[in-house]
C-alpha atoms as a PDB file:
ATOM      1  CA  UNK A   1       0.074  -0.258   0.407  1.00  0.00           C
ATOM      2  CA  UNK A   2       3.259   2.570   1.044  1.00  0.00           C
ATOM      3  CA  UNK A   3       4.211   1.558  -2.805  1.00  0.00           C
ATOM      4  CA  UNK A   4       0.597   2.199  -4.233  1.00  0.00           C
ATOM      5  CA  UNK A   5       0.525   5.788  -2.358  1.00  0.00           C
ATOM      6  CA  UNK A   6       4.063   6.818  -3.704  1.00  0.00           C
ATOM      7  CA  UNK A   7       2.846   6.230  -6.904  1.00  0.00           C
ATOM      8  CA  UNK A   8       0.231   7.735  -6.976  1.00  0.00           C
ATOM      9  CA  UNK A   9       2.087  11.394  -5.333  1.00  0.00           C
ATOM     10  CA  UNK A  10       4.768  11.026  -8.390  1.00  0.00           C
ATOM     11  CA  UNK A  11       2.207  10.838 -11.112  1.00  0.00           C
ATOM     12  CA  UNK A  12      -0.092  13.253  -9.335  1.00  0.00           C
ATOM     13  CA  UNK A  13       1.488  15.300  -6.923  1.00  0.00           C
ATOM     14  CA  UNK A  14      -1.381  18.168  -6.480  1.00  0.00           C
ATOM     15  CA  UNK A  15      -3.898  15.444  -5.585  1.00  0.00           C
ATOM     16  CA  UNK A  16      -1.723  12.628  -3.699  1.00  0.00           C
ATOM     17  CA  UNK A  17       0.626  12.757  -0.645  1.00  0.00           C
ATOM     18  CA  UNK A  18       3.193  10.421   0.711  1.00  0.00           C
ATOM     19  CA  UNK A  19       5.828   8.922   2.701  1.00  0.00           C
ATOM     20  CA  UNK A  20       8.585   6.576   1.441  1.00  0.00           C
ATOM     21  CA  UNK A  21       7.998   2.743   2.779  1.00  0.00           C
ATOM     22  CA  UNK A  22      10.992   2.477   4.088  1.00  0.00           C
ATOM     23  CA  UNK A  23       9.966   1.733   7.563  1.00  0.00           C
ATOM     24  CA  UNK A  24      11.712   5.282   8.837  1.00  0.00           C
ATOM     25  CA  UNK A  25       9.952   6.260  12.069  1.00  0.00           C
ATOM     26  CA  UNK A  26       9.444   9.552  13.919  1.00  0.00           C
ATOM     27  CA  UNK A  27       8.231  10.331  10.269  1.00  0.00           C
ATOM     28  CA  UNK A  28       4.938  12.192   8.913  1.00  0.00           C
ATOM     29  CA  UNK A  29       4.260  13.824   5.630  1.00  0.00           C
ATOM     30  CA  UNK A  30       3.257  17.368   4.601  1.00  0.00           C
ATOM     31  CA  UNK A  31       2.961  19.601   1.563  1.00  0.00           C
ATOM     32  CA  UNK A  32       4.194  23.002   0.497  1.00  0.00           C
ATOM     33  CA  UNK A  33       2.248  24.820  -1.708  1.00  0.00           C
ATOM     34  CA  UNK A  34       2.810  28.268  -4.048  1.00  0.00           C
ATOM     35  CA  UNK A  35       1.311  30.456  -6.359  1.00  0.00           C
ATOM     36  CA  UNK A  36       3.393  32.828  -8.412  1.00  0.00           C
ATOM     37  CA  UNK A  37       2.296  35.432 -11.414  1.00  0.00           C
ATOM     38  CA  UNK A  38       4.961  36.145 -13.707  1.00  0.00           C
ATOM     39  CA  UNK A  39       4.792  39.785 -15.990  1.00  0.00           C
ATOM     40  CA  UNK A  40       7.391  42.079 -18.153  1.00  0.00           C
ATOM     41  CA  UNK A  41       8.313  44.969 -16.886  1.00  0.00           C
ATOM     42  CA  UNK A  42       8.978  47.972 -19.248  1.00  0.00           C
ATOM     43  CA  UNK A  43      10.534  46.834 -22.947  1.00  0.00           C
ATOM     44  CA  UNK A  44      10.777  43.013 -21.173  1.00  0.00           C
ATOM     45  CA  UNK A  45       9.705  39.909 -23.196  1.00  0.00           C
ATOM     46  CA  UNK A  46      11.569  37.531 -20.747  1.00  0.00           C
ATOM     47  CA  UNK A  47      10.452  36.031 -17.382  1.00  0.00           C
ATOM     48  CA  UNK A  48       9.981  32.539 -15.310  1.00  0.00           C
ATOM     49  CA  UNK A  49       9.727  31.079 -12.348  1.00  0.00           C
ATOM     50  CA  UNK A  50      12.800  27.862 -11.188  1.00  0.00           C
ATOM     51  CA  UNK A  51      11.506  25.436  -8.563  1.00  0.00           C
ATOM     52  CA  UNK A  52      13.697  23.721  -6.107  1.00  0.00           C
ATOM     53  CA  UNK A  53      12.503  21.192  -3.893  1.00  0.00           C
ATOM     54  CA  UNK A  54      14.998  22.579  -1.131  1.00  0.00           C
ATOM     55  CA  UNK A  55      12.129  24.397   1.721  1.00  0.00           C
ATOM     56  CA  UNK A  56      14.598  27.388   2.252  1.00  0.00           C
ATOM     57  CA  UNK A  57      15.213  27.645  -2.045  1.00  0.00           C
ATOM     58  CA  UNK A  58      12.027  26.861  -3.281  1.00  0.00           C
ATOM     59  CA  UNK A  59      12.131  29.142  -5.844  1.00  0.00           C
ATOM     60  CA  UNK A  60      13.124  31.738  -7.917  1.00  0.00           C
ATOM     61  CA  UNK A  61      11.357  34.300  -9.371  1.00  0.00           C
ATOM     62  CA  UNK A  62      12.457  36.436 -12.585  1.00  0.00           C
ATOM     63  CA  UNK A  63       9.233  38.712 -12.629  1.00  0.00           C
ATOM     64  CA  UNK A  64       9.242  42.372 -13.963  1.00  0.00           C
ATOM     65  CA  UNK A  65      12.061  41.718 -16.160  1.00  0.00           C
ATOM     66  CA  UNK A  66      12.930  44.448 -18.450  1.00  0.00           C
ATOM     67  CA  UNK A  67      15.367  42.436 -21.033  1.00  0.00           C
ATOM     68  CA  UNK A  68      14.922  39.748 -23.571  1.00  0.00           C
ATOM     69  CA  UNK A  69      17.184  37.258 -21.572  1.00  0.00           C
ATOM     70  CA  UNK A  70      16.316  35.950 -18.011  1.00  0.00           C
ATOM     71  CA  UNK A  71      17.820  37.598 -14.876  1.00  0.00           C
ATOM     72  CA  UNK A  72      18.286  35.529 -12.344  1.00  0.00           C
ATOM     73  CA  UNK A  73      17.897  37.219  -9.066  1.00  0.00           C
ATOM     74  CA  UNK A  74      20.994  36.659  -6.127  1.00  0.00           C
ATOM     75  CA  UNK A  75      19.218  34.678  -3.597  1.00  0.00           C
ATOM     76  CA  UNK A  76      16.369  31.849  -3.612  1.00  0.00           C
ATOM     77  CA  UNK A  77      13.466  32.072  -2.214  1.00  0.00           C
ATOM     78  CA  UNK A  78      12.283  29.943   0.894  1.00  0.00           C
ATOM     79  CA  UNK A  79       8.913  28.530   1.072  1.00  0.00           C
ATOM     80  CA  UNK A  80       6.508  31.191   2.870  1.00  0.00           C
ATOM     81  CA  UNK A  81       5.443  28.101   5.172  1.00  0.00           C
ATOM     82  CA  UNK A  82       8.901  27.566   5.707  1.00  0.00           C
ATOM     83  CA  UNK A  83       9.160  28.402   9.873  1.00  0.00           C
ATOM     84  CA  UNK A  84       6.382  25.942   9.928  1.00  0.00           C
ATOM     85  CA  UNK A  85       8.501  23.118   8.552  1.00  0.00           C
ATOM     86  CA  UNK A  86      11.189  24.543  10.889  1.00  0.00           C
ATOM     87  CA  UNK A  87       9.334  24.587  14.266  1.00  0.00           C
ATOM     88  CA  UNK A  88       7.775  20.961  13.318  1.00  0.00           C
ATOM     89  CA  UNK A  89      10.611  18.930  11.691  1.00  0.00           C
ATOM     90  CA  UNK A  90      14.335  18.793  11.839  1.00  0.00           C
ATOM     91  CA  UNK A  91      14.987  16.485   8.413  1.00  0.00           C
ATOM     92  CA  UNK A  92      12.794  16.090   5.540  1.00  0.00           C
ATOM     93  CA  UNK A  93      13.181  14.108   2.465  1.00  0.00           C
ATOM     94  CA  UNK A  94      11.536  15.330  -0.984  1.00  0.00           C
ATOM     95  CA  UNK A  95       8.529  12.690  -1.944  1.00  0.00           C
ATOM     96  CA  UNK A  96       7.113  14.021  -5.156  1.00  0.00           C
ATOM     97  CA  UNK A  97       5.831  17.761  -6.448  1.00  0.00           C
ATOM     98  CA  UNK A  98       4.825  19.417  -9.792  1.00  0.00           C
ATOM     99  CA  UNK A  99       4.237  22.622 -11.199  1.00  0.00           C
ATOM    100  CA  UNK A 100       1.053  23.949 -13.591  1.00  0.00           C
ATOM    101  CA  UNK A 101       1.571  26.331 -15.525  1.00  0.00           C
ATOM    102  CA  UNK A 102      -0.960  28.870 -17.561  1.00  0.00           C
ATOM    103  CA  UNK A 103      -1.073  31.452 -19.554  1.00  0.00           C
ATOM    104  CA  UNK A 104      -2.881  34.359 -18.109  1.00  0.00           C
ATOM    105  CA  UNK A 105      -2.945  37.404 -20.467  1.00  0.00           C
ATOM    106  CA  UNK A 106      -5.056  39.053 -22.991  1.00  0.00           C
ATOM    107  CA  UNK A 107      -5.649  36.664 -25.967  1.00  0.00           C
ATOM    108  CA  UNK A 108      -4.285  39.666 -28.338  1.00  0.00           C
ATOM    109  CA  UNK A 109      -0.857  39.830 -26.312  1.00  0.00           C
ATOM    110  CA  UNK A 110      -0.618  35.946 -25.886  1.00  0.00           C
ATOM    111  CA  UNK A 111       2.942  35.843 -28.137  1.00  0.00           C
ATOM    112  CA  UNK A 112       6.186  34.068 -26.988  1.00  0.00           C
ATOM    113  CA  UNK A 113       7.904  30.666 -26.302  1.00  0.00           C
ATOM    114  CA  UNK A 114       7.059  28.457 -23.215  1.00  0.00           C
ATOM    115  CA  UNK A 115      10.003  26.465 -22.064  1.00  0.00           C
ATOM    116  CA  UNK A 116       9.574  24.095 -19.295  1.00  0.00           C
ATOM    117  CA  UNK A 117      12.487  21.779 -18.547  1.00  0.00           C
ATOM    118  CA  UNK A 118      14.141  19.665 -15.598  1.00  0.00           C
ATOM    119  CA  UNK A 119      17.983  21.435 -14.501  1.00  0.00           C
ATOM    120  CA  UNK A 120      20.792  19.229 -12.906  1.00  0.00           C
ATOM    121  CA  UNK A 121      21.375  20.170  -9.374  1.00  0.00           C
ATOM    122  CA  UNK A 122      24.967  20.235 -10.304  1.00  0.00           C
ATOM    123  CA  UNK A 123      24.154  23.433 -12.657  1.00  0.00           C
ATOM    124  CA  UNK A 124      23.579  26.371 -10.791  1.00  0.00           C
ATOM    125  CA  UNK A 125      20.635  28.632 -11.554  1.00  0.00           C
ATOM    126  CA  UNK A 126      22.733  31.577 -12.091  1.00  0.00           C
ATOM    127  CA  UNK A 127      24.166  29.412 -15.578  1.00  0.00           C
ATOM    128  CA  UNK A 128      20.448  30.569 -16.944  1.00  0.00           C
ATOM    129  CA  UNK A 129      21.236  34.438 -16.711  1.00  0.00           C
ATOM    130  CA  UNK A 130      21.369  36.521 -19.554  1.00  0.00           C
ATOM    131  CA  UNK A 131      21.275  33.238 -21.727  1.00  0.00           C
ATOM    132  CA  UNK A 132      19.109  32.742 -25.260  1.00  0.00           C
ATOM    133  CA  UNK A 133      16.330  30.020 -25.199  1.00  0.00           C
ATOM    134  CA  UNK A 134      19.011  27.369 -26.902  1.00  0.00           C
ATOM    135  CA  UNK A 135      21.526  27.754 -24.705  1.00  0.00           C
ATOM    136  CA  UNK A 136      19.079  27.216 -22.047  1.00  0.00           C
ATOM    137  CA  UNK A 137      17.882  24.608 -23.787  1.00  0.00           C
ATOM    138  CA  UNK A 138      21.578  23.070 -23.927  1.00  0.00           C
ATOM    139  CA  UNK A 139      21.418  23.284 -20.153  1.00  0.00           C
ATOM    140  CA  UNK A 140      18.764  20.915 -19.364  1.00  0.00           C
ATOM    141  CA  UNK A 141      18.057  16.896 -19.018  1.00  0.00           C
ATOM    142  CA  UNK A 142      15.285  17.103 -20.379  1.00  0.00           C
ATOM    143  CA  UNK A 143      12.633  20.239 -21.728  1.00  0.00           C
ATOM    144  CA  UNK A 144      10.058  20.940 -24.059  1.00  0.00           C
ATOM    145  CA  UNK A 145       8.673  24.058 -26.104  1.00  0.00           C
ATOM    146  CA  UNK A 146       5.465  25.356 -26.692  1.00  0.00           C
ATOM    147  CA  UNK A 147       3.039  28.134 -27.816  1.00  0.00           C
ATOM    148  CA  UNK A 148       3.071  30.658 -24.118  1.00  0.00           C
ATOM    149  CA  UNK A 149      -1.170  30.305 -25.060  1.00  0.00           C
ATOM    150  CA  UNK A 150      -0.858  26.831 -25.082  1.00  0.00           C
ATOM    151  CA  UNK A 151       0.846  26.175 -21.046  1.00  0.00           C
ATOM    152  CA  UNK A 152       2.409  23.242 -19.326  1.00  0.00           C
ATOM    153  CA  UNK A 153       2.714  21.045 -16.622  1.00  0.00           C
ATOM    154  CA  UNK A 154       5.881  19.038 -15.213  1.00  0.00           C
ATOM    155  CA  UNK A 155       6.529  17.133 -12.385  1.00  0.00           C
ATOM    156  CA  UNK A 156       9.699  16.686  -9.985  1.00  0.00           C
ATOM    157  CA  UNK A 157      10.987  13.075  -9.760  1.00  0.00           C
ATOM    158  CA  UNK A 158      14.326  11.450  -8.090  1.00  0.00           C
ATOM    159  CA  UNK A 159      17.097  10.581 -10.546  1.00  0.00           C
ATOM    160  CA  UNK A 160      18.118   7.625  -8.629  1.00  0.00           C
ATOM    161  CA  UNK A 161      17.226   6.235  -4.911  1.00  0.00           C
ATOM    162  CA  UNK A 162      19.903   8.820  -3.290  1.00  0.00           C
ATOM    163  CA  UNK A 163      17.142  11.900  -4.052  1.00  0.00           C
ATOM    164  CA  UNK A 164      14.706  10.121  -2.610  1.00  0.00           C
ATOM    165  CA  UNK A 165      16.036   8.451   0.594  1.00  0.00           C
ATOM    166  CA  UNK A 166      18.577  11.569   1.547  1.00  0.00           C
ATOM    167  CA  UNK A 167      17.355  13.444   4.363  1.00  0.00           C
ATOM    168  CA  UNK A 168      18.225  17.372   4.393  1.00  0.00           C
ATOM    169  CA  UNK A 169      18.272  19.100   7.337  1.00  0.00           C
ATOM    170  CA  UNK A 170      15.419  21.847   7.572  1.00  0.00           C
ATOM    171  CA  UNK A 171      17.227  25.140   7.531  1.00  0.00           C
ATOM    172  CA  UNK A 172      16.166  29.624   7.230  1.00  0.00           C
ATOM    173  CA  UNK A 173      19.599  30.049   5.796  1.00  0.00           C
ATOM    174  CA  UNK A 174      19.586  32.114   2.503  1.00  0.00           C
ATOM    175  CA  UNK A 175      20.633  30.238  -0.505  1.00  0.00           C
ATOM    176  CA  UNK A 176      22.571  32.369  -3.806  1.00  0.00           C
ATOM    177  CA  UNK A 177      21.669  31.773  -7.055  1.00  0.00           C
ATOM    178  CA  UNK A 178      25.687  29.903  -7.470  1.00  0.00           C
ATOM    179  CA  UNK A 179      24.273  27.377  -4.846  1.00  0.00           C
ATOM    180  CA  UNK A 180      24.500  23.519  -6.232  1.00  0.00           C
ATOM    181  CA  UNK A 181      22.047  21.331  -4.982  1.00  0.00           C
ATOM    182  CA  UNK A 182      21.992  16.879  -5.077  1.00  0.00           C
ATOM    183  CA  UNK A 183      18.398  16.802  -6.849  1.00  0.00           C
ATOM    184  CA  UNK A 184      17.288  18.247  -9.792  1.00  0.00           C
ATOM    185  CA  UNK A 185      14.871  21.147 -10.280  1.00  0.00           C
ATOM    186  CA  UNK A 186      12.302  22.985 -12.622  1.00  0.00           C
ATOM    187  CA  UNK A 187      12.651  25.681 -15.045  1.00  0.00           C
ATOM    188  CA  UNK A 188       9.929  27.369 -16.925  1.00  0.00           C
ATOM    189  CA  UNK A 189      11.081  30.511 -19.068  1.00  0.00           C
ATOM    190  CA  UNK A 190       9.028  32.661 -21.286  1.00  0.00           C
ATOM    191  CA  UNK A 191      10.767  34.244 -24.035  1.00  0.00           C
ATOM    192  CA  UNK A 192       9.412  36.325 -26.964  1.00  0.00           C
ATOM    193  CA  UNK A 193       6.479  38.012 -24.747  1.00  0.00           C
ATOM    194  CA  UNK A 194       4.839  40.534 -25.299  1.00  0.00           C
ATOM    195  CA  UNK A 195       5.888  44.050 -23.271  1.00  0.00           C
ATOM    196  CA  UNK A 196       4.914  44.828 -20.198  1.00  0.00           C
ATOM    197  CA  UNK A 197       2.260  41.883 -19.604  1.00  0.00           C
ATOM    198  CA  UNK A 198       1.399  39.931 -17.925  1.00  0.00           C
ATOM    199  CA  UNK A 199       2.818  35.565 -19.053  1.00  0.00           C
ATOM    200  CA  UNK A 200       1.785  33.028 -16.517  1.00  0.00           C
ATOM    201  CA  UNK A 201       0.644  31.868 -13.557  1.00  0.00           C
ATOM    202  CA  UNK A 202       2.578  29.211 -11.839  1.00  0.00           C
ATOM    203  CA  UNK A 203       0.542  26.195  -9.080  1.00  0.00           C
ATOM    204  CA  UNK A 204       3.332  24.658  -7.269  1.00  0.00           C
ATOM    205  CA  UNK A 205       3.347  21.841  -5.041  1.00  0.00           C
ATOM    206  CA  UNK A 206       5.907  19.740  -3.448  1.00  0.00           C
ATOM    207  CA  UNK A 207       4.899  16.757  -1.018  1.00  0.00           C
ATOM    208  CA  UNK A 208       7.652  15.687   1.968  1.00  0.00           C
ATOM    209  CA  UNK A 209       8.004  13.243   4.639  1.00  0.00           C
ATOM    210  CA  UNK A 210       9.052  15.175   7.650  1.00  0.00           C
ATOM    211  CA  UNK A 211      11.181  13.763  10.841  1.00  0.00           C
ATOM    212  CA  UNK A 212       9.974  15.189  13.938  1.00  0.00           C
ATOM    213  CA  UNK A 213      11.673  16.769  16.556  1.00  0.00           C
ATOM    214  CA  UNK A 214       9.161  17.042  19.419  1.00  0.00           C
ATOM    215  CA  UNK A 215       6.053  15.585  20.486  1.00  0.00           C
ATOM    216  CA  UNK A 216       4.170  18.648  21.781  1.00  0.00           C
ATOM    217  CA  UNK A 217       2.361  18.142  18.028  1.00  0.00           C
ATOM    218  CA  UNK A 218       2.158  15.520  15.751  1.00  0.00           C
ATOM    219  CA  UNK A 219       0.437  16.728  12.381  1.00  0.00           C
ATOM    220  CA  UNK A 220      -1.458  13.677  10.888  1.00  0.00           C
ATOM    221  CA  UNK A 221      -1.535  12.161  14.228  1.00  0.00           C
ATOM    222  CA  UNK A 222       0.123   9.171  15.759  1.00  0.00           C
ATOM    223  CA  UNK A 223      -0.821   6.347  13.381  1.00  0.00           C
ATOM    224  CA  UNK A 224       0.851   8.451  10.768  1.00  0.00           C
ATOM    225  CA  UNK A 225       4.134   8.160  12.716  1.00  0.00           C
ATOM    226  CA  UNK A 226       5.548   5.054  11.872  1.00  0.00           C
ATOM    227  CA  UNK A 227       4.954   3.201   8.306  1.00  0.00           C
ATOM    228  CA  UNK A 228       5.653  -0.494   7.496  1.00  0.00           C
ATOM    229  CA  UNK A 229       9.015  -1.213   5.000  1.00  0.00           C
ATOM    230  CA  UNK A 230       8.061  -2.576   1.641  1.00  0.00           C
ATOM    231  CA  UNK A 231      10.923  -4.682  -0.183  1.00  0.00           C
ATOM    232  CA  UNK A 232      11.910  -2.664  -3.544  1.00  0.00           C
ATOM    233  CA  UNK A 233       9.706   0.465  -3.126  1.00  0.00           C
ATOM    234  CA  UNK A 234      12.012   2.280  -5.244  1.00  0.00           C
ATOM    235  CA  UNK A 235      12.165   0.045  -8.234  1.00  0.00           C
ATOM    236  CA  UNK A 236       8.426  -0.491  -8.439  1.00  0.00           C
ATOM    237  CA  UNK A 237       8.018   3.143  -8.300  1.00  0.00           C
ATOM    238  CA  UNK A 238      10.917   3.871 -11.769  1.00  0.00           C
ATOM    239  CA  UNK A 239       9.685   1.116 -13.149  1.00  0.00           C
ATOM    240  CA  UNK A 240       6.296   2.505 -13.383  1.00  0.00           C
ATOM    241  CA  UNK A 241       6.631   6.167 -14.035  1.00  0.00           C
ATOM    242  CA  UNK A 242       9.032   5.495 -16.402  1.00  0.00           C
ATOM    243  CA  UNK A 243       6.545   5.768 -18.833  1.00  0.00           C
ATOM    244  CA  UNK A 244       5.022   8.333 -17.956  1.00  0.00           C
ATOM    245  CA  UNK A 245       5.536  11.599 -19.046  1.00  0.00           C
ATOM    246  CA  UNK A 246       7.230  13.810 -16.804  1.00  0.00           C
ATOM    247  CA  UNK A 247       6.383  16.764 -18.924  1.00  0.00           C
ATOM    248  CA  UNK A 248       3.308  18.091 -20.843  1.00  0.00           C
ATOM    249  CA  UNK A 249       2.909  20.917 -22.971  1.00  0.00           C
ATOM    250  CA  UNK A 250      -0.065  21.945 -24.675  1.00  0.00           C
ATOM    251  CA  UNK A 251      -2.440  21.780 -21.468  1.00  0.00           C
ATOM    252  CA  UNK A 252      -5.238  24.093 -23.547  1.00  0.00           C
ATOM    253  CA  UNK A 253      -5.351  22.505 -26.767  1.00  0.00           C
ATOM    254  CA  UNK A 254      -4.112  18.984 -26.186  1.00  0.00           C
ATOM    255  CA  UNK A 255      -6.746  16.388 -27.301  1.00  0.00           C
ATOM    256  CA  UNK A 256      -7.944  13.981 -24.475  1.00  0.00           C
ATOM    257  CA  UNK A 257      -6.687  10.145 -25.646  1.00  0.00           C
ATOM    258  CA  UNK A 258      -8.928   7.403 -24.396  1.00  0.00           C
ATOM    259  CA  UNK A 259     -10.318   3.960 -26.094  1.00  0.00           C
ATOM    260  CA  UNK A 260     -13.082   2.963 -28.479  1.00  0.00           C
ATOM    261  CA  UNK A 261     -15.979   3.481 -25.715  1.00  0.00           C
ATOM    262  CA  UNK A 262     -14.379   7.183 -24.973  1.00  0.00           C
ATOM    263  CA  UNK A 263     -14.116   8.539 -28.348  1.00  0.00           C
ATOM    264  CA  UNK A 264     -16.139  11.522 -27.409  1.00  0.00           C
ATOM    265  CA  UNK A 265     -13.798  12.530 -24.873  1.00  0.00           C
ATOM    266  CA  UNK A 266     -11.990  15.785 -25.595  1.00  0.00           C
ATOM    267  CA  UNK A 267     -10.030  18.825 -23.763  1.00  0.00           C
ATOM    268  CA  UNK A 268     -11.716  22.388 -23.591  1.00  0.00           C
ATOM    269  CA  UNK A 269     -10.019  25.332 -24.411  1.00  0.00           C
ATOM    270  CA  UNK A 270      -8.938  25.807 -20.593  1.00  0.00           C
ATOM    271  CA  UNK A 271      -7.353  22.424 -20.112  1.00  0.00           C
ATOM    272  CA  UNK A 272     -10.048  20.638 -18.497  1.00  0.00           C
ATOM    273  CA  UNK A 273     -11.681  17.425 -20.044  1.00  0.00           C
ATOM    274  CA  UNK A 274     -15.220  17.277 -21.360  1.00  0.00           C
ATOM    275  CA  UNK A 275     -17.150  14.365 -19.367  1.00  0.00           C
ATOM    276  CA  UNK A 276     -17.033  11.169 -21.544  1.00  0.00           C
ATOM    277  CA  UNK A 277     -19.065   9.968 -23.697  1.00  0.00           C
ATOM    278  CA  UNK A 278     -20.154   7.051 -25.109  1.00  0.00           C
ATOM    279  CA  UNK A 279     -18.630   6.346 -28.504  1.00  0.00           C
ATOM    280  CA  UNK A 280     -20.239   5.615 -31.844  1.00  0.00           C
ATOM    281  CA  UNK A 281     -22.262   2.277 -31.913  1.00  0.00           C
ATOM    282  CA  UNK A 282     -24.788   2.078 -34.748  1.00  0.00           C
ATOM    283  CA  UNK A 283     -26.112   5.249 -36.712  1.00  0.00           C
ATOM    284  CA  UNK A 284     -28.722   5.736 -34.110  1.00  0.00           C
ATOM    285  CA  UNK A 285     -26.410   6.981 -31.811  1.00  0.00           C
ATOM    286  CA  UNK A 286     -27.315  10.661 -31.018  1.00  0.00           C
ATOM    287  CA  UNK A 287     -23.375  11.146 -29.724  1.00  0.00           C
ATOM    288  CA  UNK A 288     -21.748  10.775 -32.887  1.00  0.00           C
ATOM    289  CA  UNK A 289     -21.604  14.440 -34.138  1.00  0.00           C
ATOM    290  CA  UNK A 290     -20.267  15.118 -31.108  1.00  0.00           C
ATOM    291  CA  UNK A 291     -17.138  13.306 -31.725  1.00  0.00           C
ATOM    292  CA  UNK A 292     -16.319  14.641 -34.719  1.00  0.00           C
END
């Protein structure tokens, strides 16, 4: 059951959290959510957000940019609730994470390219400062590009078992843009957008397992404190998610793929799916005109 919960969290971190089923004691799950809007400054056509699973270096936002290439602030920004994390947990490890990126501007000024990618922790975020889209793509382990108006979403996943198992000490210390990390981070950059216009809204979530430092308050209750160890949890999870795309672009226009019985499924302009309809079975089917 623990491995199944971990799988759900990896593939859909917005709706499922979990703990790693390796039998760790004195732990509980928690999640951090952030919502950030990026806009261009005067004469600017670039902007973006960089998402890190480290709680005191959760994101860097390139907001109000006045240039045509990324401008990276000096320090990472800690999660809004990082002080609450420190008060409850001494260590934590990352379970899963994801960011949904949606265009929110005027439909008459929706020009631009959206780059979504995964960067190695061995590449500092400062490396993206003032570089072209070609150079930015070359600095990513994996990436996809789409029109800005299309939007997209991507999830965080461990690159190896160390990324999943290792603990990180909670901290309030500032983290500079030149810092390197043991885990990968997510990158969302807009190139060629409209000047002085709102670009994207980012709905981000990261799920964690924390090690309690006190017993006066235990979030989730005592039944959450200890889990049962399951053999092969990491291998099972990785074999499953390797066929699940980590980056999905074109949320606003991508068709929902389905079997014959779900031929009526389509995606609306806002990215949400229509209600499922029965597929055409004969000429008397009244739904057949809605399926093409």
